[in-house]
Amino acid sequence: MMSRNTFNQVDDWNAPNNIVRLRLEFINKEIEELNLNKDYKDKFIKSRTGSMLIEIGRVIARLKPVTTKMLSDYILGIFGIPISISRSNEKFNIQIENLLSPAFRILEEYVKSDAYRLSLIKQEVSGDEILKIKGLEIPLSFNAILLHIKRTNSLPLKADDIVDIQKDLVDYKKAQFRNLPSNPSNPITQTGNEPKTLFDIWQEGKSSSKQENYDSAIQLLKKVNPTIGNSFLSEMDNKLSWNESIYGNRKYLAAFIQTMIKKRWIMDSYSAPEYKKILENTFIFKSGFNLEPFKSLSSNSFDKKYTMPFENFPSNI
């Protein structure tokens, strides 16, 4: 199976028009030359299932990684589906599955790719909508919607699905900021000794919004990190919990903050007690908070294993 990172632009997925035209002609020829009973073939083509599967084949034909053999096997396989359903022959069923699988695997990679999701998003939304909550202006940009799709493990298949996802994103943001005090004249900066959240101290990006960059970082923390085989964050009811089952998890948290300082997402201007307030106001901790790893954070030297999970995070430089 190909890596999703290999094809991440629409042009990486779309075959040239002349190749697509030849492939579509090839599909028609393959159907015409299938050595099957004419009545069976015509009935399948006119059926709802048959016409849908043939149309899916035409979509697959537009994808650059697909080969002629995959298309040939796919056409043969879909015409064998009715026979497979009517028979109780495991060997024949496996043959049909083997014919269909290569093309379907590539189609599955495509519909889960950022390229396909962004193409759906751009069909349905302008990308410049702004959600206003208690003086905050939160962009509902293409990337914000894409991040929400990943956050919720959604699988949009058509442009209409994006409408529901955008509504869900709005609800998510409203819930996220429900307890934020209204302060339109100064929506981000809090005053006095009031604890801040990690979002409050996060810096604006060079080419994207503060919200998008913060959400990207949270999304990375929620993914399984290959260096530890676990994720640092989990989310339930719009609340983020730090994974305290990881050995040395507080050192990992301090190393994350230190790395974000070095990558210029966080200013180096907070004390250990301030970090305690900020992080307790951002994440749920069930077993208290250890200040020690956060003392003299910018000069603290962590073992490589604690900083390694965050080295691939993007920089704000």
Protein backbone atom coordinates (compact mmCIF):
# COMPACT_ATOMS: atom_id res chain seq x y z
CA MET A 1 0.00 0.00 0.00
CA MET A 2 1.28 3.45 -0.87
CA SER A 3 2.10 5.99 1.78
CA ARG A 4 -0.46 8.75 2.18
CA ASN A 5 2.45 11.16 2.39
CA THR A 6 3.49 10.24 -1.16
CA PHE A 7 0.39 11.76 -2.74
CA ASN A 8 -0.75 14.87 -0.90
CA GLN A 9 -1.61 17.26 -3.72
CA VAL A 10 -4.53 16.92 -6.12
CA ASP A 11 -2.15 16.91 -9.11
CA ASP A 12 -0.25 14.02 -7.52
CA TRP A 13 -3.40 11.92 -7.72
CA ASN A 14 -4.96 12.98 -11.02
CA ALA A 15 -3.73 11.22 -14.15
CA PRO A 16 -3.24 13.43 -17.26
CA ASN A 17 -6.37 13.89 -19.42
CA ASN A 18 -4.98 11.89 -22.35
CA ILE A 19 -4.24 8.94 -20.05
CA VAL A 20 -7.72 9.14 -18.50
CA ARG A 21 -9.32 9.15 -21.94
CA LEU A 22 -7.39 6.01 -22.94
CA ARG A 23 -8.31 4.30 -19.67
CA LEU A 24 -12.02 5.05 -20.08
CA GLU A 25 -11.89 3.63 -23.62
CA PHE A 26 -10.07 0.60 -22.19
CA ILE A 27 -12.85 0.03 -19.63
CA ASN A 28 -15.53 0.11 -22.33
CA LYS A 29 -13.52 -2.33 -24.43
CA GLU A 30 -12.98 -4.67 -21.48
CA ILE A 31 -16.71 -4.76 -20.74
CA GLU A 32 -17.52 -5.38 -24.40
CA GLU A 33 -15.02 -8.25 -24.71
CA LEU A 34 -15.94 -10.02 -21.46
CA ASN A 35 -16.65 -13.67 -22.24
CA LEU A 36 -20.02 -13.75 -20.46
CA ASN A 37 -23.61 -14.51 -21.39
CA LYS A 38 -24.99 -11.40 -23.16
CA ASP A 39 -28.22 -11.33 -21.13
CA TYR A 40 -26.26 -11.65 -17.87
CA LYS A 41 -23.89 -8.88 -18.92
CA ASP A 42 -26.70 -6.51 -20.03
CA LYS A 43 -28.71 -7.15 -16.88
CA PHE A 44 -25.68 -6.36 -14.69
CA ILE A 45 -24.88 -3.15 -16.60
CA LYS A 46 -28.47 -1.91 -16.26
CA SER A 47 -28.77 -2.85 -12.59
CA ARG A 48 -28.29 -0.19 -9.93
CA THR A 49 -25.36 -2.04 -8.37
CA GLY A 50 -23.70 -2.80 -11.69
CA SER A 51 -23.97 0.75 -13.03
CA MET A 52 -22.63 2.13 -9.73
CA LEU A 53 -19.62 -0.24 -9.76
CA ILE A 54 -18.82 0.63 -13.37
CA GLU A 55 -19.00 4.34 -12.50
CA ILE A 56 -16.63 3.74 -9.57
CA GLY A 57 -14.28 2.07 -12.07
CA ARG A 58 -14.34 5.26 -14.14
CA VAL A 59 -13.41 7.25 -11.02
CA ILE A 60 -10.55 4.84 -10.27
CA ALA A 61 -9.34 5.25 -13.87
CA ARG A 62 -8.63 8.93 -13.13
CA LEU A 63 -6.14 8.14 -10.37
CA LYS A 64 -2.49 8.29 -11.36
CA PRO A 65 -1.25 5.24 -9.35
CA VAL A 66 -3.74 2.85 -11.05
CA THR A 67 -2.40 0.46 -13.69
CA THR A 68 -4.11 -1.03 -16.74
CA LYS A 69 -3.96 -4.48 -15.11
CA MET A 70 -5.75 -3.16 -12.02
CA LEU A 71 -8.55 -1.79 -14.20
CA SER A 72 -8.81 -5.03 -16.17
CA ASP A 73 -8.97 -7.10 -12.96
CA TYR A 74 -11.49 -4.67 -11.46
CA ILE A 75 -13.89 -4.99 -14.41
CA LEU A 76 -13.63 -8.78 -14.38
CA GLY A 77 -14.12 -8.78 -10.61
CA ILE A 78 -17.28 -6.63 -10.48
CA PHE A 79 -18.99 -8.79 -13.12
CA GLY A 80 -18.22 -11.80 -10.95
CA ILE A 81 -19.86 -10.33 -7.82
CA PRO A 82 -23.43 -11.61 -8.54
CA ILE A 83 -22.03 -15.10 -9.18
CA SER A 84 -19.97 -14.87 -5.98
CA ILE A 85 -23.07 -13.92 -3.96
CA SER A 86 -25.13 -16.79 -5.40
CA ARG A 87 -22.43 -19.37 -4.83
CA SER A 88 -21.08 -20.87 -1.63
CA ASN A 89 -17.60 -21.29 -3.06
CA GLU A 90 -14.88 -19.85 -0.87
CA LYS A 91 -12.15 -20.32 -3.49
CA PHE A 92 -14.15 -18.40 -6.12
CA ASN A 93 -14.99 -15.64 -3.61
CA ILE A 94 -11.29 -15.23 -2.78
CA GLN A 95 -10.52 -14.93 -6.50
CA ILE A 96 -13.08 -12.12 -6.85
CA GLU A 97 -11.68 -10.35 -3.79
CA ASN A 98 -8.14 -10.58 -5.17
CA LEU A 99 -9.28 -9.07 -8.46
CA LEU A 100 -10.97 -6.10 -6.78
CA SER A 101 -8.60 -5.37 -3.88
CA PRO A 102 -5.72 -3.57 -5.67
CA ALA A 103 -7.97 -0.94 -7.28
CA PHE A 104 -10.10 -0.53 -4.15
CA ARG A 105 -6.99 -0.04 -1.98
CA ILE A 106 -5.88 2.88 -4.13
CA LEU A 107 -9.40 4.35 -4.09
CA GLU A 108 -9.46 4.04 -0.29
CA GLU A 109 -6.11 5.85 0.00
CA TYR A 110 -7.44 8.61 -2.27
CA VAL A 111 -10.70 9.28 -0.38
CA LYS A 112 -8.70 9.45 2.87
CA SER A 113 -6.08 11.79 1.42
CA ASP A 114 -5.82 15.48 2.27
CA ALA A 115 -5.97 16.20 -1.47
CA TYR A 116 -9.42 14.63 -1.87
CA ARG A 117 -10.77 16.12 1.35
CA LEU A 118 -9.56 19.61 0.42
CA SER A 119 -11.13 19.26 -3.03
CA LEU A 120 -14.49 18.54 -1.35
CA ILE A 121 -14.04 21.39 1.14
CA LYS A 122 -13.25 23.89 -1.62
CA GLN A 123 -16.38 22.86 -3.52
CA GLU A 124 -18.62 23.64 -0.56
CA VAL A 125 -17.13 26.52 1.49
CA SER A 126 -15.32 29.75 0.71
CA GLY A 127 -12.60 29.27 3.33
CA ASP A 128 -12.85 32.84 4.61
CA GLU A 129 -15.78 32.50 7.03
CA ILE A 130 -15.17 33.80 10.55
CA LEU A 131 -16.84 32.44 13.69
CA LYS A 132 -17.17 35.11 16.40
CA ILE A 133 -17.39 33.90 20.00
CA LYS A 134 -17.15 36.31 22.93
CA GLY A 135 -14.93 38.73 21.07
CA LEU A 136 -12.75 36.01 19.51
CA GLU A 137 -12.59 35.70 15.74
CA ILE A 138 -12.00 32.06 14.79
CA PRO A 139 -11.34 31.33 11.09
CA LEU A 140 -13.33 28.49 9.52
CA SER A 141 -10.64 28.08 6.87
CA PHE A 142 -9.99 25.11 4.59
CA ASN A 143 -7.25 23.87 6.94
CA ALA A 144 -9.43 24.32 10.04
CA ILE A 145 -12.13 22.10 8.49
CA LEU A 146 -9.50 19.59 7.37
CA LEU A 147 -8.09 19.41 10.91
CA HIS A 148 -11.59 18.85 12.29
CA ILE A 149 -12.11 15.97 9.83
CA LYS A 150 -8.94 14.37 11.21
CA ARG A 151 -9.88 15.15 14.81
CA THR A 152 -13.25 13.42 14.45
CA ASN A 153 -12.07 10.65 12.11
CA SER A 154 -14.76 11.68 9.64
CA LEU A 155 -14.85 10.20 6.14
CA PRO A 156 -16.48 12.71 3.76
CA LEU A 157 -17.26 11.09 0.41
CA LYS A 158 -19.11 13.95 -1.30
CA ALA A 159 -19.22 17.73 -1.11
CA ASP A 160 -22.55 17.71 0.77
CA ASP A 161 -20.83 15.95 3.69
CA ILE A 162 -18.68 19.05 4.24
CA VAL A 163 -21.74 21.09 5.27
CA ASP A 164 -22.39 18.76 8.22
CA ILE A 165 -18.69 18.71 9.14
CA GLN A 166 -18.53 22.52 9.14
CA LYS A 167 -21.61 22.68 11.40
CA ASP A 168 -19.97 20.17 13.74
CA LEU A 169 -16.79 22.29 13.77
CA VAL A 170 -18.83 25.35 14.77
CA ASP A 171 -20.46 23.38 17.61
CA TYR A 172 -17.04 22.10 18.69
CA LYS A 173 -15.59 25.61 18.82
CA LYS A 174 -18.60 26.95 20.72
CA ALA A 175 -18.21 24.20 23.31
CA GLN A 176 -14.45 24.76 23.47
CA PHE A 177 -14.85 28.47 24.25
CA ARG A 178 -18.09 28.27 26.25
CA ASN A 179 -16.42 29.12 29.54
CA LEU A 180 -14.18 31.85 28.14
CA PRO A 181 -14.99 35.27 29.67
CA SER A 182 -16.29 37.90 27.23
CA ASN A 183 -13.71 40.60 26.59
CA PRO A 184 -14.10 41.93 23.04
CA SER A 185 -11.49 44.68 23.45
CA ASN A 186 -8.81 42.18 24.44
CA PRO A 187 -10.07 38.67 23.60
CA ILE A 188 -6.84 36.73 23.98
CA THR A 189 -4.77 38.34 26.70
CA GLN A 190 -6.03 37.82 30.22
CA THR A 191 -5.25 40.22 33.04
CA GLY A 192 -4.05 40.05 36.62
CA ASN A 193 -3.22 36.66 38.08
CA GLU A 194 -5.93 34.84 36.16
CA PRO A 195 -4.55 31.54 34.81
CA LYS A 196 -4.06 31.34 31.05
CA THR A 197 -4.44 28.33 28.79
CA LEU A 198 -1.84 26.97 26.40
CA PHE A 199 -3.84 28.52 23.55
CA ASP A 200 -3.49 31.96 25.12
CA ILE A 201 0.30 31.82 25.12
CA TRP A 202 0.56 30.24 21.67
CA GLN A 203 2.06 32.50 19.00
CA GLU A 204 0.65 33.52 15.63
CA GLY A 205 2.05 31.60 12.66
CA LYS A 206 3.91 33.15 9.75
CA SER A 207 1.43 32.01 7.12
CA SER A 208 -1.55 30.63 9.04
CA SER A 209 -3.66 31.59 12.04
CA LYS A 210 -2.90 31.02 15.70
CA GLN A 211 -5.95 28.75 16.00
CA GLU A 212 -4.88 26.56 13.07
CA ASN A 213 -1.33 26.15 14.37
CA TYR A 214 -2.48 25.40 17.91
CA ASP A 215 -5.02 22.86 16.62
CA SER A 216 -2.28 21.22 14.51
CA ALA A 217 -0.07 20.80 17.57
CA ILE A 218 -2.92 19.33 19.63
CA GLN A 219 -3.76 16.98 16.76
CA LEU A 220 -0.15 15.72 16.69
CA LEU A 221 -0.22 15.12 20.44
CA LYS A 222 -3.41 13.06 20.03
CA LYS A 223 -1.82 10.79 17.42
CA VAL A 224 0.20 7.71 18.35
CA ASN A 225 3.79 8.93 18.48
CA PRO A 226 6.10 6.30 16.92
CA THR A 227 8.94 7.05 19.36
CA ILE A 228 6.86 5.92 22.37
CA GLY A 229 4.11 3.86 20.69
CA ASN A 230 1.42 5.89 22.42
CA SER A 231 -0.39 9.21 22.24
CA PHE A 232 0.17 12.04 24.71
CA LEU A 233 -3.40 13.34 24.65
CA SER A 234 -6.90 11.92 24.56
CA GLU A 235 -10.14 13.84 24.13
CA MET A 236 -13.58 13.21 25.57
CA ASP A 237 -16.51 15.65 25.74
CA ASN A 238 -14.26 18.40 24.33
CA LYS A 239 -11.84 17.97 27.25
CA LEU A 240 -8.18 17.04 26.76
CA SER A 241 -6.48 14.62 29.16
CA TRP A 242 -2.72 14.19 29.41
CA ASN A 243 -1.67 10.55 29.20
CA GLU A 244 -0.33 9.80 32.67
CA SER A 245 0.21 6.11 31.92
CA ILE A 246 3.43 6.98 30.04
CA TYR A 247 6.52 6.57 32.24
CA GLY A 248 8.06 10.02 32.74
CA ASN A 249 5.00 11.71 31.28
CA ARG A 250 5.62 15.02 33.13
CA LYS A 251 9.14 15.20 31.71
CA TYR A 252 7.68 14.60 28.26
CA LEU A 253 5.25 17.47 28.85
CA ALA A 254 8.05 19.79 29.97
CA ALA A 255 10.17 18.70 26.98
CA PHE A 256 7.22 19.46 24.69
CA ILE A 257 6.91 22.99 26.11
CA GLN A 258 10.68 23.51 25.86
CA THR A 259 10.67 22.33 22.22
CA MET A 260 7.79 24.65 21.39
CA ILE A 261 9.79 27.52 22.92
CA LYS A 262 12.75 26.64 20.70
CA LYS A 263 10.44 26.40 17.68
CA ARG A 264 9.02 29.82 18.63
CA TRP A 265 5.43 28.78 19.25
CA ILE A 266 5.70 29.83 22.92
CA MET A 267 7.55 32.80 24.39
CA ASP A 268 10.21 32.03 27.00
CA SER A 269 8.64 34.22 29.68
CA TYR A 270 6.87 31.98 32.19
CA SER A 271 7.87 30.47 35.52
CA ALA A 272 7.26 26.91 36.70
CA PRO A 273 4.21 27.95 38.83
CA GLU A 274 2.78 29.82 35.83
CA TYR A 275 3.21 26.76 33.62
CA LYS A 276 1.42 24.73 36.28
CA LYS A 277 -1.61 27.07 36.08
CA ILE A 278 -1.51 27.24 32.28
CA LEU A 279 -1.29 23.48 31.76
CA GLU A 280 -3.81 22.58 34.48
CA ASN A 281 -6.19 24.98 32.78
CA THR A 282 -5.60 23.23 29.45
CA PHE A 283 -5.32 19.52 30.22
CA ILE A 284 -6.84 17.18 32.78
CA PHE A 285 -4.33 15.65 35.21
CA LYS A 286 -5.50 12.99 37.65
CA SER A 287 -2.39 12.69 39.78
CA GLY A 288 -1.32 16.23 40.57
CA PHE A 289 1.39 18.29 38.94
CA ASN A 290 5.16 18.03 39.38
CA LEU A 291 6.81 21.46 39.09
CA GLU A 292 10.39 20.19 39.04
CA PRO A 293 10.76 19.53 35.26
CA PHE A 294 9.46 23.06 34.53
CA LYS A 295 12.03 24.93 36.63
CA SER A 296 14.49 26.94 34.49
CA LEU A 297 12.77 25.33 31.53
CA SER A 298 14.63 27.13 28.74
CA SER A 299 18.02 26.01 30.11
CA ASN A 300 16.93 22.61 31.43
CA SER A 301 18.68 19.72 29.68
CA PHE A 302 16.38 16.76 28.99
CA ASP A 303 17.45 13.32 27.92
CA LYS A 304 17.11 12.87 24.15
CA LYS A 305 14.24 10.39 24.57
CA TYR A 306 12.04 13.13 26.05
CA THR A 307 12.58 15.65 23.26
CA MET A 308 12.63 13.22 20.33
CA PRO A 309 8.81 12.84 20.01
CA PHE A 310 8.49 16.58 19.28
CA GLU A 311 11.45 17.20 16.99
CA ASN A 312 9.35 16.77 13.85
CA PHE A 313 6.78 19.35 14.91
CA PRO A 314 6.84 22.35 12.53
CA SER A 315 8.73 25.53 13.45
CA ASN A 316 7.39 29.07 13.54
CA ILE A 317 10.48 30.56 11.95
